């Protein structure tokens, strides 16, 4: 069985407070899950049944929910990583903070979650990034 994981990329250049940083990573992780479930059956609310998830996603849900948190150094780098994941057909989410508590009211891209998917697919995109 291949190893599955999710990689959460957070911008290091924003100097977010630790609580904000954690919240943005959680938003990214949850967004992948909720967006994937919503897309598989047209919505979660009131739906009872099974979801059509790919094999890697199911393995991740059935095992340890492995998440790796890494850092990038700019908005452009974050967007490039997100776009590369989309090009490789890996499920991913991009988080744009509303700027209410930080960033002086300016909406700001803060995080991306890539996967869950097989490590060898995700590593092609994220293996060069430093751990947080």
C-alpha atoms as a PDB file:
ATOM      1  CA  UNK A   1       0.000   0.000   0.000  1.00  0.00           C
ATOM      2  CA  UNK A   2       1.342   3.426  -0.954  1.00  0.00           C
ATOM      3  CA  UNK A   3       1.635   6.150   1.675  1.00  0.00           C
ATOM      4  CA  UNK A   4      -1.013   8.903   1.602  1.00  0.00           C
ATOM      5  CA  UNK A   5      -0.766  12.361   3.093  1.00  0.00           C
ATOM      6  CA  UNK A   6      -1.861  15.958   2.884  1.00  0.00           C
ATOM      7  CA  UNK A   7       0.630  18.811   2.735  1.00  0.00           C
ATOM      8  CA  UNK A   8      -0.380  22.171   4.159  1.00  0.00           C
ATOM      9  CA  UNK A   9       1.638  25.132   2.904  1.00  0.00           C
ATOM     10  CA  UNK A  10       1.653  28.325   4.960  1.00  0.00           C
ATOM     11  CA  UNK A  11       3.161  31.671   4.069  1.00  0.00           C
ATOM     12  CA  UNK A  12       6.133  32.469   6.270  1.00  0.00           C
ATOM     13  CA  UNK A  13       6.524  36.032   4.988  1.00  0.00           C
ATOM     14  CA  UNK A  14       3.289  37.241   6.629  1.00  0.00           C
ATOM     15  CA  UNK A  15       4.590  36.748  10.176  1.00  0.00           C
ATOM     16  CA  UNK A  16       1.160  35.572  11.333  1.00  0.00           C
ATOM     17  CA  UNK A  17       0.542  35.011  15.024  1.00  0.00           C
ATOM     18  CA  UNK A  18       0.780  31.316  15.934  1.00  0.00           C
ATOM     19  CA  UNK A  19      -2.954  30.998  16.501  1.00  0.00           C
ATOM     20  CA  UNK A  20      -3.691  32.622  13.150  1.00  0.00           C
ATOM     21  CA  UNK A  21      -1.160  30.348  11.435  1.00  0.00           C
ATOM     22  CA  UNK A  22      -2.763  27.238  12.909  1.00  0.00           C
ATOM     23  CA  UNK A  23      -6.258  28.449  11.991  1.00  0.00           C
ATOM     24  CA  UNK A  24      -5.254  29.089   8.368  1.00  0.00           C
ATOM     25  CA  UNK A  25      -3.749  25.607   8.085  1.00  0.00           C
ATOM     26  CA  UNK A  26      -6.932  24.104   9.536  1.00  0.00           C
ATOM     27  CA  UNK A  27      -9.049  26.088   7.080  1.00  0.00           C
ATOM     28  CA  UNK A  28      -6.975  24.725   4.190  1.00  0.00           C
ATOM     29  CA  UNK A  29      -7.217  21.118   5.365  1.00  0.00           C
ATOM     30  CA  UNK A  30     -10.947  21.279   6.011  1.00  0.00           C
ATOM     31  CA  UNK A  31     -11.609  23.092   2.734  1.00  0.00           C
ATOM     32  CA  UNK A  32     -10.165  20.186   0.748  1.00  0.00           C
ATOM     33  CA  UNK A  33     -12.420  17.747   2.571  1.00  0.00           C
ATOM     34  CA  UNK A  34     -15.601  19.814   2.393  1.00  0.00           C
ATOM     35  CA  UNK A  35     -15.061  20.893  -1.237  1.00  0.00           C
ATOM     36  CA  UNK A  36     -14.382  17.302  -2.292  1.00  0.00           C
ATOM     37  CA  UNK A  37     -17.467  15.961  -0.539  1.00  0.00           C
ATOM     38  CA  UNK A  38     -19.616  18.760  -1.930  1.00  0.00           C
ATOM     39  CA  UNK A  39     -18.341  18.109  -5.449  1.00  0.00           C
ATOM     40  CA  UNK A  40     -18.963  14.361  -5.330  1.00  0.00           C
ATOM     41  CA  UNK A  41     -22.701  14.506  -4.678  1.00  0.00           C
ATOM     42  CA  UNK A  42     -23.722  18.103  -5.239  1.00  0.00           C
ATOM     43  CA  UNK A  43     -23.806  18.934  -1.547  1.00  0.00           C
ATOM     44  CA  UNK A  44     -23.519  17.446   1.925  1.00  0.00           C
ATOM     45  CA  UNK A  45     -26.587  18.880   3.635  1.00  0.00           C
ATOM     46  CA  UNK A  46     -29.238  16.214   4.053  1.00  0.00           C
ATOM     47  CA  UNK A  47     -27.381  13.643   1.974  1.00  0.00           C
ATOM     48  CA  UNK A  48     -27.278  10.105   3.259  1.00  0.00           C
ATOM     49  CA  UNK A  49     -25.207   7.566   1.422  1.00  0.00           C
ATOM     50  CA  UNK A  50     -21.718   7.074   0.105  1.00  0.00           C
ATOM     51  CA  UNK A  51     -19.385   9.502  -1.581  1.00  0.00           C
ATOM     52  CA  UNK A  52     -17.376   8.714  -4.689  1.00  0.00           C
ATOM     53  CA  UNK A  53     -13.878   9.454  -3.411  1.00  0.00           C
ATOM     54  CA  UNK A  54     -10.677   8.346  -5.098  1.00  0.00           C
ATOM     55  CA  UNK A  55      -8.592   5.513  -3.677  1.00  0.00           C
ATOM     56  CA  UNK A  56      -5.911   7.760  -2.170  1.00  0.00           C
ATOM     57  CA  UNK A  57      -8.495   9.921  -0.384  1.00  0.00           C
ATOM     58  CA  UNK A  58     -10.197   6.813   1.054  1.00  0.00           C
ATOM     59  CA  UNK A  59      -6.884   5.369   2.249  1.00  0.00           C
ATOM     60  CA  UNK A  60      -6.045   8.677   3.952  1.00  0.00           C
ATOM     61  CA  UNK A  61      -9.444   8.790   5.676  1.00  0.00           C
ATOM     62  CA  UNK A  62      -9.110   5.148   6.750  1.00  0.00           C
ATOM     63  CA  UNK A  63      -5.656   5.547   8.259  1.00  0.00           C
ATOM     64  CA  UNK A  64      -3.840   8.314  10.088  1.00  0.00           C
ATOM     65  CA  UNK A  65      -4.914  11.561   8.356  1.00  0.00           C
ATOM     66  CA  UNK A  66      -1.206  12.347   7.927  1.00  0.00           C
ATOM     67  CA  UNK A  67      -0.604  16.071   7.485  1.00  0.00           C
ATOM     68  CA  UNK A  68       2.738  17.761   6.862  1.00  0.00           C
ATOM     69  CA  UNK A  69       3.037  21.533   7.429  1.00  0.00           C
ATOM     70  CA  UNK A  70       5.588  23.374   5.326  1.00  0.00           C
ATOM     71  CA  UNK A  71       6.380  26.987   4.541  1.00  0.00           C
ATOM     72  CA  UNK A  72       6.730  29.167   1.514  1.00  0.00           C
ATOM     73  CA  UNK A  73       8.046  32.712   1.300  1.00  0.00           C
ATOM     74  CA  UNK A  74       5.597  34.695  -0.825  1.00  0.00           C
ATOM     75  CA  UNK A  75       2.115  34.939  -2.250  1.00  0.00           C
ATOM     76  CA  UNK A  76       3.442  34.140  -5.714  1.00  0.00           C
ATOM     77  CA  UNK A  77       5.149  30.979  -4.493  1.00  0.00           C
ATOM     78  CA  UNK A  78       1.927  29.898  -2.747  1.00  0.00           C
ATOM     79  CA  UNK A  79      -0.120  30.501  -5.902  1.00  0.00           C
ATOM     80  CA  UNK A  80       2.450  28.686  -8.060  1.00  0.00           C
ATOM     81  CA  UNK A  81       2.313  25.619  -5.783  1.00  0.00           C
ATOM     82  CA  UNK A  82      -1.494  25.646  -5.832  1.00  0.00           C
ATOM     83  CA  UNK A  83      -1.576  25.915  -9.630  1.00  0.00           C
ATOM     84  CA  UNK A  84       0.984  23.119 -10.022  1.00  0.00           C
ATOM     85  CA  UNK A  85      -1.167  20.815  -7.859  1.00  0.00           C
ATOM     86  CA  UNK A  86      -4.198  21.637 -10.008  1.00  0.00           C
ATOM     87  CA  UNK A  87      -2.185  20.942 -13.186  1.00  0.00           C
ATOM     88  CA  UNK A  88      -1.233  17.536 -11.742  1.00  0.00           C
ATOM     89  CA  UNK A  89      -4.916  16.836 -10.935  1.00  0.00           C
ATOM     90  CA  UNK A  90      -4.296  16.651  -7.199  1.00  0.00           C
ATOM     91  CA  UNK A  91      -7.130  17.917  -5.046  1.00  0.00           C
ATOM     92  CA  UNK A  92      -6.183  21.118  -3.288  1.00  0.00           C
ATOM     93  CA  UNK A  93      -7.554  24.255  -1.683  1.00  0.00           C
ATOM     94  CA  UNK A  94      -6.399  27.857  -1.584  1.00  0.00           C
ATOM     95  CA  UNK A  95      -7.282  29.983   1.445  1.00  0.00           C
ATOM     96  CA  UNK A  96      -7.817  33.720   1.243  1.00  0.00           C
ATOM     97  CA  UNK A  97      -8.173  35.367   4.644  1.00  0.00           C
ATOM     98  CA  UNK A  98     -10.710  38.181   4.974  1.00  0.00           C
ATOM     99  CA  UNK A  99      -8.203  40.429   6.733  1.00  0.00           C
ATOM    100  CA  UNK A 100     -10.510  41.019   9.692  1.00  0.00           C
ATOM    101  CA  UNK A 101      -8.044  40.212  12.494  1.00  0.00           C
ATOM    102  CA  UNK A 102      -4.743  40.707  10.666  1.00  0.00           C
ATOM    103  CA  UNK A 103      -3.550  42.222   7.392  1.00  0.00           C
ATOM    104  CA  UNK A 104      -5.253  45.605   8.011  1.00  0.00           C
ATOM    105  CA  UNK A 105      -8.503  44.621   6.323  1.00  0.00           C
ATOM    106  CA  UNK A 106      -6.786  43.430   3.138  1.00  0.00           C
ATOM    107  CA  UNK A 107      -7.892  40.024   1.860  1.00  0.00           C
ATOM    108  CA  UNK A 108      -4.727  37.912   1.767  1.00  0.00           C
ATOM    109  CA  UNK A 109      -3.802  34.464   0.474  1.00  0.00           C
ATOM    110  CA  UNK A 110      -2.385  32.585   3.456  1.00  0.00           C
ATOM    111  CA  UNK A 111      -2.419  28.826   2.921  1.00  0.00           C
ATOM    112  CA  UNK A 112      -2.821  25.920   0.523  1.00  0.00           C
ATOM    113  CA  UNK A 113      -3.594  22.281   1.254  1.00  0.00           C
ATOM    114  CA  UNK A 114      -2.498  19.734  -1.326  1.00  0.00           C
ATOM    115  CA  UNK A 115      -4.023  16.288  -1.113  1.00  0.00           C
ATOM    116  CA  UNK A 116      -4.750  13.888   0.363  1.00  0.00           C
ATOM    117  CA  UNK A 117      -3.054  11.852  -2.286  1.00  0.00           C
ATOM    118  CA  UNK A 118      -0.113   9.508  -2.659  1.00  0.00           C
ATOM    119  CA  UNK A 119       3.182  10.899  -1.367  1.00  0.00           C
ATOM    120  CA  UNK A 120       5.048  10.395  -4.605  1.00  0.00           C
ATOM    121  CA  UNK A 121       2.566  12.663  -6.418  1.00  0.00           C
ATOM    122  CA  UNK A 122       2.588  15.397  -3.771  1.00  0.00           C
ATOM    123  CA  UNK A 123       6.363  15.243  -3.218  1.00  0.00           C
ATOM    124  CA  UNK A 124       6.975  16.277  -6.830  1.00  0.00           C
ATOM    125  CA  UNK A 125       5.442  19.623  -5.912  1.00  0.00           C
ATOM    126  CA  UNK A 126       6.336  20.155  -2.247  1.00  0.00           C
ATOM    127  CA  UNK A 127       9.446  18.122  -1.392  1.00  0.00           C
ATOM    128  CA  UNK A 128      11.735  21.163  -1.623  1.00  0.00           C
ATOM    129  CA  UNK A 129       9.796  23.177   1.007  1.00  0.00           C
ATOM    130  CA  UNK A 130      11.013  23.528   4.596  1.00  0.00           C
ATOM    131  CA  UNK A 131       9.002  22.128   7.467  1.00  0.00           C
ATOM    132  CA  UNK A 132       7.280  24.675   9.668  1.00  0.00           C
END
